């Protein structure tokens, strides 16, 4: 009897073990299949993200190719005037103005008008003649053919037309011009140089992006190398009672990629603003400088603390030695706090 009971017990044990092992195998297989599925899903998600990023980059690059930059546009020019001039080259999607020299001053000294409000109110700086313009064409070919308007007269000003993200590569015939009057316009520089040295391809006066006033230097590109030679031999020219320096312009290849990135970022910012405006929200501000502001606040609090201590001591008529001791105590406390925070940050 005992032997039969033992054998039956062993059999049941073996059966239970077999069942457990089978169940474990099934669970392991399920886990493996799930993990494989998850890996596949992760790979698919990563591929999808990469594709969306690539699509965005392609869209931005395509938009940049279709965009024409037009400089030295008359301040009196309207969007319809620009459309009439450039529709001969192809269909235009959008026209917008930039670098509008507006007067943001108000009756209050510290308060300034927003740029958009100043533009809508028509508050233009006195003596300002030009602004910049961007034209978005439907095709890249149209934008390229529209560069034919480069150097042409439009509303008594010579236009500068270049494809967005591309720089003019005629530095061989270009002169750097220094010590220019701050209130000078491109047409005045063109007139002076044409009369003295010969025909000019384009003139570019570098201006402050916020004040829209000249920075005192610019570039003059000649049609012929002989004209540049004459200008370099002269070394100087008088414009508006100032002796303007003339030097050979240096080749700058590093900025080309930077300008392309700036153009891409500009388009991305515009797209974000449009998305948020459709949803009725404001775009989030960048919070990278939070740590710097916190440090500044801590320093200010520390200074205020010391100032208060000194004032109290002056009222109570303490000795100068006691005042110094109190200040040193505050400084040591602050140093220990800074050390503790640094140690905490390490971990």
Foldseek 3Di string as FASTA:
>chain_A
DVVVVVVVVVVVVVVVVVVVVVVVVVVVVVVVVVVVVVVVVVVVVVVVVVVVVVVLVVVLVQQLLQKKKKWFAFLPDDPVLVCVVQCVLAAWDDKDWALFQFAQDDPDDVDGHPPVVRVVVVGHDPLDTITMMMIGGPHSRSLVVSQVQQQPDDPNTGMHMDRQLDDDPQLLQKKKKFQADFSDDQVQVQVQLCVQQHAWRGWFFDADSPNRTGPGITMTGHPDNRSLVSLVVVQWDDGPNTTMGIGRDDDDPPCSVVRSVVSSVVVVVVVVCVVQVVVVHDDDDDCPCVVVVVVVVVVVVLVVVLVVLVVVCVVVVDDPVVNVVVNVVSVVVVVVVVVVVVVVVVD
